[in-house]
Amino acid sequence: MDKEAQEWVESIIGEKFPAGQAYEDVLKDGQVLCKLINILSPNAVPKVNSSGGQFKFMENINNFQKALKEYGVPDIDVFQTVDLYEKKDIANVTNTIFALGRATYKHDNFKGPFLGPKPADECKRDFTEEQLKAGQTIVGLQAGSNKGATQAGQNLGAGRKILLGK
C-alpha cells in the first residue's frame, strides 16, 4: 500500500521521490504532503516551512492535517503527527493518504488520478406506513425461530467426567 500511495502522490505533485530515500523519510518534514494538498485544494496550506528545525516541520504536518479535514477527510482517518514524524505508525499515514484519495471523488473539479475505491453515495429510502407496519409482523431468525432447529446433540470439546468415590 505504501508503494501505491507513493505513486499516487508522485503523479499528483508531478515529481518522483528522491532515489534511495525511504517513503516515510520523504514525507517526514511535511513539505511533500503540503504540496499535495495545495494542488488538490489551492492555498489550503499558505505557508510551507522548508527550514527551521523539527517544530517547523511538525507545523507543516499539523497544517496538512487541518487542510485534510477541511477538504473532507473524516477526522477518524487522519493520522497523528507522531505517527509520521517519529515513525510510530507509517501504515496509519498511508491509510490517511488513501482516505484523501477517496475524498477526491467528492470534488467535481478533480479529474484524477484517483486512489482507492469510490466511496458509496447515500441511498435514501422512503417507506410508506403500510410497508413499515408489514415489516413489524415478520419474525427474524435472530429472534430464536429457525423451524425447529436446535443444538441438541451438539458436542464441543471434551465431555464432562464425573468420577464417583473420589
C-alpha atoms as a PDB file:
ATOM      1  CA  MET A   1       0.000   0.000   0.000  1.00  0.00           C
ATOM      2  CA  ASP A   2       2.904   2.362   0.713  1.00  0.00           C
ATOM      3  CA  LYS A   3       4.134   1.940  -2.859  1.00  0.00           C
ATOM      4  CA  GLU A   4       0.674   2.600  -4.299  1.00  0.00           C
ATOM      5  CA  ALA A   5       0.247   5.706  -2.114  1.00  0.00           C
ATOM      6  CA  GLN A   6       3.723   6.930  -3.109  1.00  0.00           C
ATOM      7  CA  GLU A   7       2.974   6.504  -6.818  1.00  0.00           C
ATOM      8  CA  TRP A   8      -0.298   8.423  -6.425  1.00  0.00           C
ATOM      9  CA  VAL A   9       1.408  11.300  -4.565  1.00  0.00           C
ATOM     10  CA  GLU A  10       4.146  11.419  -7.216  1.00  0.00           C
ATOM     11  CA  SER A  11       1.569  11.564 -10.021  1.00  0.00           C
ATOM     12  CA  ILE A  12      -0.348  14.404  -8.345  1.00  0.00           C
ATOM     13  CA  ILE A  13       2.664  16.592  -7.484  1.00  0.00           C
ATOM     14  CA  GLY A  14       4.446  15.763 -10.745  1.00  0.00           C
ATOM     15  CA  GLU A  15       7.722  14.796  -9.074  1.00  0.00           C
ATOM     16  CA  LYS A  16       9.375  11.500  -8.223  1.00  0.00           C
ATOM     17  CA  PHE A  17      10.541  10.854  -4.671  1.00  0.00           C
ATOM     18  CA  PRO A  18      14.352  11.064  -4.394  1.00  0.00           C
ATOM     19  CA  ALA A  19      16.007   7.744  -5.240  1.00  0.00           C
ATOM     20  CA  GLY A  20      17.418   5.836  -2.283  1.00  0.00           C
ATOM     21  CA  GLN A  21      15.220   7.583   0.295  1.00  0.00           C
ATOM     22  CA  ALA A  22      12.539   5.715   2.179  1.00  0.00           C
ATOM     23  CA  TYR A  23       8.896   6.685   1.643  1.00  0.00           C
ATOM     24  CA  GLU A  24       8.454   7.801   5.267  1.00  0.00           C
ATOM     25  CA  ASP A  25      11.676   9.859   5.199  1.00  0.00           C
ATOM     26  CA  VAL A  26      10.479  11.860   2.184  1.00  0.00           C
ATOM     27  CA  LEU A  27       7.134  12.577   3.883  1.00  0.00           C
ATOM     28  CA  LYS A  28       8.613  13.246   7.352  1.00  0.00           C
ATOM     29  CA  ASP A  29       9.093  17.033   7.036  1.00  0.00           C
ATOM     30  CA  GLY A  30       5.550  17.537   5.715  1.00  0.00           C
ATOM     31  CA  GLN A  31       6.637  19.557   2.663  1.00  0.00           C
ATOM     32  CA  VAL A  32       5.520  16.936   0.125  1.00  0.00           C
ATOM     33  CA  LEU A  33       2.195  16.493   1.932  1.00  0.00           C
ATOM     34  CA  CYS A  34       1.588  20.255   1.954  1.00  0.00           C
ATOM     35  CA  LYS A  35       2.425  20.429  -1.750  1.00  0.00           C
ATOM     36  CA  LEU A  36      -0.046  17.585  -2.365  1.00  0.00           C
ATOM     37  CA  ILE A  37      -2.965  19.239  -0.543  1.00  0.00           C
ATOM     38  CA  ASN A  38      -2.162  22.617  -2.148  1.00  0.00           C
ATOM     39  CA  ILE A  39      -2.537  21.025  -5.595  1.00  0.00           C
ATOM     40  CA  LEU A  40      -5.830  19.359  -4.639  1.00  0.00           C
ATOM     41  CA  SER A  41      -7.155  22.438  -2.833  1.00  0.00           C
ATOM     42  CA  PRO A  42      -5.217  25.571  -3.866  1.00  0.00           C
ATOM     43  CA  ASN A  43      -3.786  27.607  -0.985  1.00  0.00           C
ATOM     44  CA  ALA A  44      -5.025  25.127   1.648  1.00  0.00           C
ATOM     45  CA  VAL A  45      -1.647  25.486   3.398  1.00  0.00           C
ATOM     46  CA  PRO A  46      -0.489  29.037   2.610  1.00  0.00           C
ATOM     47  CA  LYS A  47       2.913  28.811   4.329  1.00  0.00           C
ATOM     48  CA  VAL A  48       5.072  25.695   3.987  1.00  0.00           C
ATOM     49  CA  ASN A  49       8.218  25.687   6.116  1.00  0.00           C
ATOM     50  CA  SER A  50      11.277  24.442   4.245  1.00  0.00           C
ATOM     51  CA  SER A  51      13.732  25.043   7.098  1.00  0.00           C
ATOM     52  CA  GLY A  52      13.707  25.838  10.784  1.00  0.00           C
ATOM     53  CA  GLY A  53      14.035  22.512  12.508  1.00  0.00           C
ATOM     54  CA  GLN A  54      11.742  19.928  13.950  1.00  0.00           C
ATOM     55  CA  PHE A  55       8.992  22.246  15.234  1.00  0.00           C
ATOM     56  CA  LYS A  56       8.595  23.932  11.835  1.00  0.00           C
ATOM     57  CA  PHE A  57       8.345  20.538  10.111  1.00  0.00           C
ATOM     58  CA  MET A  58       5.803  19.352  12.670  1.00  0.00           C
ATOM     59  CA  GLU A  59       3.886  22.563  11.979  1.00  0.00           C
ATOM     60  CA  ASN A  60       3.808  21.547   8.282  1.00  0.00           C
ATOM     61  CA  ILE A  61       2.289  18.210   9.262  1.00  0.00           C
ATOM     62  CA  ASN A  62      -0.293  19.893  11.531  1.00  0.00           C
ATOM     63  CA  ASN A  63      -1.244  22.340   8.758  1.00  0.00           C
ATOM     64  CA  PHE A  64      -1.621  19.406   6.343  1.00  0.00           C
ATOM     65  CA  GLN A  65      -3.894  17.592   8.818  1.00  0.00           C
ATOM     66  CA  LYS A  66      -6.054  20.694   9.267  1.00  0.00           C
ATOM     67  CA  ALA A  67      -6.323  21.143   5.480  1.00  0.00           C
ATOM     68  CA  LEU A  68      -7.289  17.458   5.112  1.00  0.00           C
ATOM     69  CA  LYS A  69     -10.253  17.883   7.418  1.00  0.00           C
ATOM     70  CA  GLU A  70     -11.368  20.989   5.525  1.00  0.00           C
ATOM     71  CA  TYR A  71     -11.037  19.054   2.246  1.00  0.00           C
ATOM     72  CA  GLY A  72     -13.454  16.413   3.513  1.00  0.00           C
ATOM     73  CA  VAL A  73     -11.325  13.645   5.020  1.00  0.00           C
ATOM     74  CA  PRO A  74     -13.077  12.323   8.157  1.00  0.00           C
ATOM     75  CA  ASP A  75     -11.310  13.157  11.419  1.00  0.00           C
ATOM     76  CA  ILE A  76     -11.011   9.460  12.290  1.00  0.00           C
ATOM     77  CA  ASP A  77      -8.952   8.823   9.122  1.00  0.00           C
ATOM     78  CA  VAL A  78      -6.307  11.467   9.902  1.00  0.00           C
ATOM     79  CA  PHE A  79      -3.024  10.221  11.404  1.00  0.00           C
ATOM     80  CA  GLN A  80      -1.371  11.749  14.479  1.00  0.00           C
ATOM     81  CA  THR A  81       1.719  13.923  13.970  1.00  0.00           C
ATOM     82  CA  VAL A  82       3.969  11.478  15.868  1.00  0.00           C
ATOM     83  CA  ASP A  83       2.825   8.631  13.578  1.00  0.00           C
ATOM     84  CA  LEU A  84       4.808  10.278  10.806  1.00  0.00           C
ATOM     85  CA  TYR A  85       7.428  12.462  12.440  1.00  0.00           C
ATOM     86  CA  GLU A  86       8.638   9.824  14.898  1.00  0.00           C
ATOM     87  CA  LYS A  87       7.741   6.932  12.542  1.00  0.00           C
ATOM     88  CA  LYS A  88       5.404   5.399  15.135  1.00  0.00           C
ATOM     89  CA  ASP A  89       2.762   4.192  12.648  1.00  0.00           C
ATOM     90  CA  ILE A  90       3.580   4.689   8.963  1.00  0.00           C
ATOM     91  CA  ALA A  91       0.675   2.409   7.987  1.00  0.00           C
ATOM     92  CA  ASN A  92      -1.683   4.967   9.538  1.00  0.00           C
ATOM     93  CA  VAL A  93      -0.067   7.702   7.411  1.00  0.00           C
ATOM     94  CA  THR A  94      -0.628   5.574   4.306  1.00  0.00           C
ATOM     95  CA  ASN A  95      -4.254   4.994   5.319  1.00  0.00           C
ATOM     96  CA  THR A  96      -4.681   8.771   5.595  1.00  0.00           C
ATOM     97  CA  ILE A  97      -3.311   9.228   2.066  1.00  0.00           C
ATOM     98  CA  PHE A  98      -5.819   6.612   0.867  1.00  0.00           C
ATOM     99  CA  ALA A  99      -8.592   8.491   2.720  1.00  0.00           C
ATOM    100  CA  LEU A 100      -7.504  11.653   0.890  1.00  0.00           C
ATOM    101  CA  GLY A 101      -7.619   9.695  -2.368  1.00  0.00           C
ATOM    102  CA  ARG A 102     -11.201   8.659  -1.596  1.00  0.00           C
ATOM    103  CA  ALA A 103     -12.135  12.249  -0.683  1.00  0.00           C
ATOM    104  CA  THR A 104     -11.049  13.437  -4.151  1.00  0.00           C
ATOM    105  CA  TYR A 105     -14.046  11.585  -5.657  1.00  0.00           C
ATOM    106  CA  LYS A 106     -16.351  14.061  -3.883  1.00  0.00           C
ATOM    107  CA  HIS A 107     -14.745  17.057  -5.644  1.00  0.00           C
ATOM    108  CA  ASP A 108     -16.098  17.519  -9.156  1.00  0.00           C
ATOM    109  CA  ASN A 109     -13.217  19.794 -10.183  1.00  0.00           C
ATOM    110  CA  PHE A 110     -10.682  16.966  -9.630  1.00  0.00           C
ATOM    111  CA  LYS A 111     -10.348  14.774 -12.724  1.00  0.00           C
ATOM    112  CA  GLY A 112      -7.864  12.182 -11.446  1.00  0.00           C
ATOM    113  CA  PRO A 113      -5.866  10.124 -10.996  1.00  0.00           C
ATOM    114  CA  PHE A 114      -7.829   8.686  -8.104  1.00  0.00           C
ATOM    115  CA  LEU A 115      -6.615   6.460  -5.279  1.00  0.00           C
ATOM    116  CA  GLY A 116      -8.684   3.684  -3.760  1.00  0.00           C
ATOM    117  CA  PRO A 117     -12.299   2.730  -4.319  1.00  0.00           C
ATOM    118  CA  LYS A 118     -15.009   5.310  -4.881  1.00  0.00           C
ATOM    119  CA  PRO A 119     -16.996   5.888  -1.675  1.00  0.00           C
ATOM    120  CA  ALA A 120     -20.625   4.840  -1.747  1.00  0.00           C
ATOM    121  CA  ASP A 121     -23.248   7.506  -2.183  1.00  0.00           C
ATOM    122  CA  GLU A 122     -26.153   7.726   0.218  1.00  0.00           C
ATOM    123  CA  CYS A 123     -29.190   5.732  -0.869  1.00  0.00           C
ATOM    124  CA  LYS A 124     -32.192   7.261   0.880  1.00  0.00           C
ATOM    125  CA  ARG A 125     -35.320   5.127   1.010  1.00  0.00           C
ATOM    126  CA  ASP A 126     -38.827   6.282   1.824  1.00  0.00           C
ATOM    127  CA  PHE A 127     -41.224   3.629   3.071  1.00  0.00           C
ATOM    128  CA  THR A 128     -44.962   4.061   3.453  1.00  0.00           C
ATOM    129  CA  GLU A 129     -46.615   3.493   6.810  1.00  0.00           C
ATOM    130  CA  GLU A 130     -48.165   0.328   5.372  1.00  0.00           C
ATOM    131  CA  GLN A 131     -44.732  -1.079   4.455  1.00  0.00           C
ATOM    132  CA  LEU A 132     -43.318  -0.244   7.890  1.00  0.00           C
ATOM    133  CA  LYS A 133     -46.238  -1.979   9.656  1.00  0.00           C
ATOM    134  CA  ALA A 134     -45.860  -5.054   7.429  1.00  0.00           C
ATOM    135  CA  GLY A 135     -42.201  -5.274   8.442  1.00  0.00           C
ATOM    136  CA  GLN A 136     -43.095  -5.369  12.138  1.00  0.00           C
ATOM    137  CA  THR A 137     -45.051  -8.625  11.745  1.00  0.00           C
ATOM    138  CA  ILE A 138     -42.097 -10.624  10.393  1.00  0.00           C
ATOM    139  CA  VAL A 139     -40.131 -12.638  12.956  1.00  0.00           C
ATOM    140  CA  GLY A 140     -36.470 -12.709  12.004  1.00  0.00           C
ATOM    141  CA  LEU A 141     -34.224 -15.724  12.512  1.00  0.00           C
ATOM    142  CA  GLN A 142     -32.339 -13.844  15.197  1.00  0.00           C
ATOM    143  CA  ALA A 143     -35.446 -13.999  17.372  1.00  0.00           C
ATOM    144  CA  GLY A 144     -34.980 -17.715  18.001  1.00  0.00           C
ATOM    145  CA  SER A 145     -37.320 -19.225  15.421  1.00  0.00           C
ATOM    146  CA  ASN A 146     -35.475 -21.453  12.985  1.00  0.00           C
ATOM    147  CA  LYS A 147     -38.134 -24.025  12.026  1.00  0.00           C
ATOM    148  CA  GLY A 148     -37.448 -26.429  14.862  1.00  0.00           C
ATOM    149  CA  ALA A 149     -33.662 -26.474  14.589  1.00  0.00           C
ATOM    150  CA  THR A 150     -31.937 -26.965  17.936  1.00  0.00           C
ATOM    151  CA  GLN A 151     -28.456 -27.569  19.208  1.00  0.00           C
ATOM    152  CA  ALA A 152     -29.404 -30.918  20.670  1.00  0.00           C
ATOM    153  CA  GLY A 153     -26.642 -33.462  20.207  1.00  0.00           C
ATOM    154  CA  GLN A 154     -24.024 -30.875  19.507  1.00  0.00           C
ATOM    155  CA  ASN A 155     -20.831 -31.613  21.405  1.00  0.00           C
ATOM    156  CA  LEU A 156     -17.934 -29.179  21.679  1.00  0.00           C
ATOM    157  CA  GLY A 157     -14.674 -30.264  23.263  1.00  0.00           C
ATOM    158  CA  ALA A 158     -14.260 -32.970  25.827  1.00  0.00           C
ATOM    159  CA  GLY A 159     -17.315 -34.149  27.761  1.00  0.00           C
ATOM    160  CA  ARG A 160     -17.592 -33.657  31.493  1.00  0.00           C
ATOM    161  CA  LYS A 161     -16.373 -36.596  33.524  1.00  0.00           C
ATOM    162  CA  ILE A 162     -17.941 -37.260  36.905  1.00  0.00           C
ATOM    163  CA  LEU A 163     -15.844 -39.626  38.984  1.00  0.00           C
ATOM    164  CA  LEU A 164     -17.655 -41.164  41.907  1.00  0.00           C
ATOM    165  CA  GLY A 165     -15.784 -42.163  45.006  1.00  0.00           C
ATOM    166  CA  LYS A 166     -13.004 -39.670  44.814  1.00  0.00           C
END
